Structure formats: structure tokens, C-alpha cells
Amino acid sequence: MPCLLAQEAQSGYSSHMKKASITEAKNRLSALIDEVRNGDTVLILDRGRPVARLESAVAGTQGDTDGRLTRLERQGLVRRSTIAPRKSLLARRAPRVKDGASLSKVLLEERGEGR
């Protein structure tokens, strides 16, 4: 049976989650739970509006109790380091921000450029 879940190409928090209507979730609950066991998160929609999120109750690692980092890693959006950061990197002072500079503006510009 093919999966009928919608994978919408939106930006935002739920853009990478699988989605299912309430009716589909009711009819395919066992299959959706299997997908959640395999690490997926399913957003439940009521007439196109998010009302619930179906996710693993046991996923995540110590320090990542709600599983956010684990989900991002599974989706290929982040990669955990395999080594500890260099002490010299942590000992450095953060660069000073120039007057009038806006981190938010720079981030939005980079996102607009697709970086």
C-alpha cells in the first residue's frame, strides 16, 4: 500500500515532517506508529492545520530529552561532531559586533541566497 502522507515543500518548523490528516491517522495508526518507531515524526492535520505531533516517546539522547537534535540529524540537517572541540577554539573571545550590525539580518540574507 503506498504511503499517502503529504510531504509539502514549505519552510519552517514542520517542513521536514511527514503529515497526515486526522482521518488518515485514524485509518493508518499502526503504520504511522511503525514509521515513528523507525525515527520519523508525523504531524497530524485537521483541515490542513496542525493539531498534534506523533513522535517517539523514547527517542533522543542524554541532553536531547525532547529529541530535537536527533530528529535534525536523522533528516540530514545537522551532523554531530565525532571529536571534542579544540580547547584553543573555546578559549578565544567571541568577535565584537560592529555598531548597527544585525545577526538576524545577516541570517535572513544568507537564507535568501540559499546558503
N, C-alpha and C. Protein backbone atom coordinates (compact mmCIF):
# COMPACT_ATOMS: atom_id res chain seq x y z
N MET A 1 0.85 -1.19 0.00
CA MET A 1 0.00 0.00 0.00
C MET A 1 0.89 1.24 0.00
N PRO A 2 0.76 2.14 -0.95
CA PRO A 2 1.60 3.33 -1.00
C PRO A 2 1.26 4.29 0.13
N CYS A 3 2.28 4.99 0.58
CA CYS A 3 2.10 5.97 1.65
C CYS A 3 1.43 7.22 1.09
N LEU A 4 0.38 7.64 1.72
CA LEU A 4 -0.38 8.79 1.23
C LEU A 4 -0.01 10.08 1.95
N LEU A 5 1.00 10.01 2.81
CA LEU A 5 1.36 11.19 3.58
C LEU A 5 1.90 12.28 2.67
N ALA A 6 1.50 13.49 2.95
CA ALA A 6 1.95 14.63 2.15
C ALA A 6 3.30 15.10 2.63
N GLN A 7 4.20 15.35 1.72
CA GLN A 7 5.50 15.92 2.04
C GLN A 7 5.55 17.28 1.39
N GLU A 8 5.03 18.30 2.06
CA GLU A 8 4.95 19.63 1.49
C GLU A 8 6.31 20.31 1.56
N ALA A 9 6.63 21.07 0.53
CA ALA A 9 7.89 21.79 0.48
C ALA A 9 7.70 23.21 0.99
N GLN A 10 7.55 23.34 2.29
CA GLN A 10 7.41 24.64 2.92
C GLN A 10 8.65 24.87 3.76
N SER A 11 8.86 26.11 4.14
CA SER A 11 9.93 26.36 5.08
C SER A 11 9.29 26.49 6.46
N GLY A 12 10.06 26.20 7.47
CA GLY A 12 9.55 26.34 8.82
C GLY A 12 9.72 25.06 9.61
N TYR A 13 9.18 25.10 10.82
CA TYR A 13 9.37 24.02 11.77
C TYR A 13 8.93 22.67 11.26
N SER A 14 7.79 22.61 10.62
CA SER A 14 7.22 21.32 10.23
C SER A 14 7.49 20.95 8.78
N SER A 15 8.39 21.66 8.10
CA SER A 15 8.57 21.43 6.67
C SER A 15 9.16 20.06 6.35
N HIS A 16 9.88 19.46 7.29
CA HIS A 16 10.51 18.17 7.01
C HIS A 16 9.76 17.00 7.66
N MET A 17 8.65 17.27 8.29
CA MET A 17 7.87 16.20 8.92
C MET A 17 6.89 15.60 7.93
N LYS A 18 6.60 14.34 8.14
CA LYS A 18 5.52 13.73 7.36
C LYS A 18 4.22 14.27 7.94
N LYS A 19 3.21 14.34 7.12
CA LYS A 19 1.92 14.89 7.55
C LYS A 19 0.81 13.90 7.23
N ALA A 20 -0.21 13.89 8.08
CA ALA A 20 -1.37 13.02 7.86
C ALA A 20 -2.61 13.73 8.40
N SER A 21 -3.71 13.58 7.68
CA SER A 21 -4.97 14.12 8.18
C SER A 21 -5.45 13.27 9.35
N ILE A 22 -6.41 13.77 10.09
CA ILE A 22 -6.95 13.01 11.22
C ILE A 22 -7.54 11.69 10.73
N THR A 23 -8.26 11.73 9.62
CA THR A 23 -8.86 10.51 9.08
C THR A 23 -7.78 9.51 8.69
N GLU A 24 -6.76 9.99 7.99
CA GLU A 24 -5.67 9.09 7.59
C GLU A 24 -4.95 8.53 8.81
N ALA A 25 -4.73 9.35 9.82
CA ALA A 25 -4.06 8.89 11.03
C ALA A 25 -4.90 7.82 11.73
N LYS A 26 -6.21 8.03 11.76
CA LYS A 26 -7.10 7.04 12.38
C LYS A 26 -7.06 5.71 11.62
N ASN A 27 -7.10 5.80 10.30
CA ASN A 27 -7.15 4.60 9.48
C ASN A 27 -5.80 3.88 9.39
N ARG A 28 -4.71 4.61 9.55
CA ARG A 28 -3.38 4.02 9.37
C ARG A 28 -2.53 4.13 10.63
N LEU A 29 -3.14 4.16 11.80
CA LEU A 29 -2.40 4.39 13.04
C LEU A 29 -1.26 3.39 13.23
N SER A 30 -1.50 2.12 13.00
CA SER A 30 -0.45 1.12 13.19
C SER A 30 0.74 1.39 12.27
N ALA A 31 0.47 1.73 11.01
CA ALA A 31 1.56 2.02 10.06
C ALA A 31 2.30 3.28 10.47
N LEU A 32 1.58 4.29 10.94
CA LEU A 32 2.23 5.52 11.39
C LEU A 32 3.10 5.27 12.61
N ILE A 33 2.64 4.44 13.52
CA ILE A 33 3.43 4.11 14.70
C ILE A 33 4.71 3.36 14.29
N ASP A 34 4.60 2.49 13.29
CA ASP A 34 5.80 1.82 12.78
C ASP A 34 6.80 2.84 12.24
N GLU A 35 6.31 3.84 11.52
CA GLU A 35 7.19 4.88 10.99
C GLU A 35 7.84 5.67 12.12
N VAL A 36 7.07 5.96 13.17
CA VAL A 36 7.61 6.67 14.32
C VAL A 36 8.68 5.82 15.01
N ARG A 37 8.45 4.52 15.10
CA ARG A 37 9.46 3.62 15.68
C ARG A 37 10.76 3.67 14.88
N ASN A 38 10.65 3.92 13.59
CA ASN A 38 11.82 4.00 12.73
C ASN A 38 12.43 5.39 12.71
N GLY A 39 11.95 6.27 13.56
CA GLY A 39 12.56 7.58 13.71
C GLY A 39 11.84 8.75 13.08
N ASP A 40 10.75 8.52 12.38
CA ASP A 40 10.03 9.63 11.75
C ASP A 40 9.12 10.32 12.76
N THR A 41 8.76 11.53 12.45
CA THR A 41 7.77 12.28 13.21
C THR A 41 6.64 12.61 12.25
N VAL A 42 5.39 12.47 12.71
CA VAL A 42 4.23 12.71 11.85
C VAL A 42 3.41 13.85 12.45
N LEU A 43 3.14 14.84 11.63
CA LEU A 43 2.30 15.96 12.03
C LEU A 43 0.86 15.63 11.65
N ILE A 44 -0.05 15.69 12.61
CA ILE A 44 -1.47 15.39 12.37
C ILE A 44 -2.19 16.71 12.07
N LEU A 45 -2.91 16.74 10.95
CA LEU A 45 -3.58 17.94 10.50
C LEU A 45 -5.09 17.78 10.55
N ASP A 46 -5.77 18.84 10.93
CA ASP A 46 -7.23 18.91 10.88
C ASP A 46 -7.59 20.02 9.90
N ARG A 47 -8.08 19.63 8.75
CA ARG A 47 -8.40 20.58 7.66
C ARG A 47 -7.20 21.44 7.30
N GLY A 48 -6.04 20.79 7.24
CA GLY A 48 -4.81 21.47 6.84
C GLY A 48 -4.09 22.22 7.94
N ARG A 49 -4.63 22.23 9.15
CA ARG A 49 -3.99 22.94 10.26
C ARG A 49 -3.41 21.94 11.24
N PRO A 50 -2.17 22.12 11.67
CA PRO A 50 -1.55 21.19 12.63
C PRO A 50 -2.29 21.20 13.96
N VAL A 51 -2.58 19.98 14.46
CA VAL A 51 -3.25 19.85 15.76
C VAL A 51 -2.49 18.95 16.71
N ALA A 52 -1.61 18.09 16.18
CA ALA A 52 -0.87 17.16 17.04
C ALA A 52 0.38 16.70 16.32
N ARG A 53 1.31 16.17 17.11
CA ARG A 53 2.54 15.62 16.55
C ARG A 53 2.74 14.23 17.13
N LEU A 54 2.92 13.24 16.27
CA LEU A 54 3.14 11.86 16.67
C LEU A 54 4.63 11.60 16.56
N GLU A 55 5.28 11.36 17.71
CA GLU A 55 6.72 11.12 17.71
C GLU A 55 7.08 10.12 18.79
N SER A 56 8.27 9.60 18.70
CA SER A 56 8.72 8.57 19.63
C SER A 56 8.79 9.11 21.05
N ALA A 57 8.37 8.29 21.98
CA ALA A 57 8.46 8.66 23.39
C ALA A 57 9.82 8.28 23.96
N VAL A 58 10.60 7.51 23.24
CA VAL A 58 11.89 7.04 23.74
C VAL A 58 13.07 7.57 22.93
N ALA A 59 12.83 8.35 21.89
CA ALA A 59 13.91 8.87 21.06
C ALA A 59 14.67 9.94 21.81
N GLY A 60 15.86 10.21 21.34
CA GLY A 60 16.67 11.25 21.92
C GLY A 60 17.80 10.67 22.74
N THR A 61 18.71 11.53 23.10
CA THR A 61 19.86 11.12 23.89
C THR A 61 19.94 12.00 25.10
N GLN A 62 20.86 11.68 25.98
CA GLN A 62 21.05 12.50 27.16
C GLN A 62 21.40 13.91 26.72
N GLY A 63 20.76 14.90 27.28
CA GLY A 63 20.96 16.28 26.87
C GLY A 63 20.07 16.68 25.70
N ASP A 64 19.41 15.73 25.12
CA ASP A 64 18.50 15.98 23.98
C ASP A 64 17.18 15.28 24.32
N THR A 65 16.62 15.61 25.48
CA THR A 65 15.49 14.86 26.00
C THR A 65 14.25 14.92 25.15
N ASP A 66 14.06 15.99 24.37
CA ASP A 66 12.87 16.05 23.53
C ASP A 66 13.16 15.56 22.12
N GLY A 67 14.39 15.15 21.83
CA GLY A 67 14.71 14.53 20.55
C GLY A 67 14.90 15.47 19.38
N ARG A 68 14.97 16.78 19.62
CA ARG A 68 15.10 17.72 18.50
C ARG A 68 16.38 17.49 17.71
N LEU A 69 17.51 17.38 18.42
CA LEU A 69 18.77 17.18 17.73
C LEU A 69 18.78 15.85 16.99
N THR A 70 18.21 14.83 17.60
CA THR A 70 18.13 13.52 16.96
C THR A 70 17.31 13.59 15.68
N ARG A 71 16.17 14.29 15.71
CA ARG A 71 15.34 14.42 14.51
C ARG A 71 16.08 15.17 13.41
N LEU A 72 16.77 16.26 13.76
CA LEU A 72 17.51 17.02 12.77
C LEU A 72 18.64 16.19 12.16
N GLU A 73 19.28 15.40 12.99
CA GLU A 73 20.35 14.54 12.49
C GLU A 73 19.79 13.47 11.55
N ARG A 74 18.68 12.89 11.91
CA ARG A 74 18.04 11.86 11.09
C ARG A 74 17.62 12.41 9.73
N GLN A 75 17.21 13.68 9.72
CA GLN A 75 16.78 14.32 8.48
C GLN A 75 17.96 14.81 7.64
N GLY A 76 19.17 14.66 8.18
CA GLY A 76 20.35 15.09 7.45
C GLY A 76 20.60 16.58 7.50
N LEU A 77 19.97 17.28 8.43
CA LEU A 77 20.12 18.73 8.52
C LEU A 77 21.29 19.14 9.40
N VAL A 78 21.69 18.28 10.33
CA VAL A 78 22.85 18.53 11.17
C VAL A 78 23.67 17.25 11.26
N ARG A 79 24.91 17.41 11.63
CA ARG A 79 25.78 16.25 11.85
C ARG A 79 26.53 16.49 13.15
N ARG A 80 26.46 15.51 14.05
CA ARG A 80 27.15 15.63 15.33
C ARG A 80 28.65 15.44 15.13
N SER A 81 29.40 16.14 15.94
CA SER A 81 30.85 16.03 15.89
C SER A 81 31.27 14.68 16.45
N THR A 82 32.33 14.15 15.90
CA THR A 82 32.86 12.88 16.40
C THR A 82 34.04 13.10 17.35
N ILE A 83 34.51 14.35 17.42
CA ILE A 83 35.61 14.67 18.32
C ILE A 83 35.24 15.91 19.13
N ALA A 84 35.92 16.07 20.25
CA ALA A 84 35.68 17.25 21.10
C ALA A 84 36.29 18.47 20.44
N PRO A 85 35.69 19.66 20.66
CA PRO A 85 36.27 20.87 20.06
C PRO A 85 37.64 21.17 20.67
N ARG A 86 38.49 21.82 19.88
CA ARG A 86 39.83 22.20 20.38
C ARG A 86 39.67 23.20 21.51
N LYS A 87 40.51 23.05 22.51
CA LYS A 87 40.45 23.97 23.65
C LYS A 87 40.77 25.39 23.23
N SER A 88 41.65 25.54 22.24
CA SER A 88 42.00 26.89 21.78
C SER A 88 40.79 27.59 21.17
N LEU A 89 39.91 26.82 20.54
CA LEU A 89 38.70 27.41 19.96
C LEU A 89 37.78 27.93 21.06
N LEU A 90 37.66 27.15 22.13
CA LEU A 90 36.78 27.53 23.23
C LEU A 90 37.38 28.66 24.06
N ALA A 91 38.71 28.80 24.05
CA ALA A 91 39.36 29.82 24.86
C ALA A 91 39.31 31.20 24.20
N ARG A 92 39.08 31.24 22.90
CA ARG A 92 39.04 32.52 22.18
C ARG A 92 37.83 33.34 22.60
N ARG A 93 38.03 34.65 22.58
CA ARG A 93 36.91 35.55 22.83
C ARG A 93 36.07 35.64 21.56
N ALA A 94 34.81 35.82 21.72
CA ALA A 94 33.92 35.97 20.57
C ALA A 94 34.22 37.29 19.88
N PRO A 95 34.07 37.34 18.55
CA PRO A 95 34.32 38.60 17.86
C PRO A 95 33.33 39.67 18.30
N ARG A 96 33.78 40.90 18.28
CA ARG A 96 32.92 42.01 18.66
C ARG A 96 31.97 42.33 17.52
N VAL A 97 30.79 42.70 17.86
CA VAL A 97 29.78 43.06 16.88
C VAL A 97 29.90 44.55 16.60
N LYS A 98 29.91 44.90 15.32
CA LYS A 98 30.00 46.31 14.95
C LYS A 98 28.69 47.00 15.28
N ASP A 99 28.77 48.27 15.60
CA ASP A 99 27.57 49.04 15.88
C ASP A 99 26.63 49.02 14.68
N GLY A 100 25.37 48.78 14.93
CA GLY A 100 24.37 48.77 13.86
C GLY A 100 24.26 47.44 13.15
N ALA A 101 25.12 46.47 13.50
CA ALA A 101 25.07 45.16 12.85
C ALA A 101 23.89 44.36 13.39
N SER A 102 23.32 43.53 12.54
CA SER A 102 22.18 42.72 12.94
C SER A 102 22.40 41.27 12.50
N LEU A 103 22.55 40.39 13.47
CA LEU A 103 22.72 38.98 13.16
C LEU A 103 21.49 38.43 12.44
N SER A 104 20.33 38.86 12.86
CA SER A 104 19.09 38.42 12.22
C SER A 104 19.07 38.78 10.75
N LYS A 105 19.50 39.99 10.44
CA LYS A 105 19.51 40.45 9.06
C LYS A 105 20.47 39.61 8.21
N VAL A 106 21.66 39.33 8.75
CA VAL A 106 22.64 38.52 8.03
C VAL A 106 22.11 37.12 7.78
N LEU A 107 21.50 36.51 8.81
CA LEU A 107 20.94 35.16 8.65
C LEU A 107 19.84 35.14 7.58
N LEU A 108 18.97 36.11 7.61
CA LEU A 108 17.89 36.17 6.61
C LEU A 108 18.44 36.35 5.20
N GLU A 109 19.50 37.17 5.07
CA GLU A 109 20.13 37.34 3.77
C GLU A 109 20.74 36.03 3.26
N GLU A 110 21.43 35.30 4.16
CA GLU A 110 22.03 34.03 3.77
C GLU A 110 20.96 33.02 3.38
N ARG A 111 19.88 32.98 4.12
CA ARG A 111 18.79 32.06 3.77
C ARG A 111 18.19 32.41 2.44
N GLY A 112 18.07 33.70 2.14
CA GLY A 112 17.54 34.15 0.87
C GLY A 112 18.44 33.75 -0.29
N GLU A 113 19.74 33.67 -0.02
CA GLU A 113 20.70 33.27 -1.05
C GLU A 113 20.81 31.76 -1.17
N GLY A 114 20.17 31.04 -0.26
CA GLY A 114 20.19 29.58 -0.29
C GLY A 114 21.44 28.97 0.31
N ARG A 115 22.15 29.73 1.14
CA ARG A 115 23.35 29.18 1.78
C ARG A 115 23.03 28.49 3.06
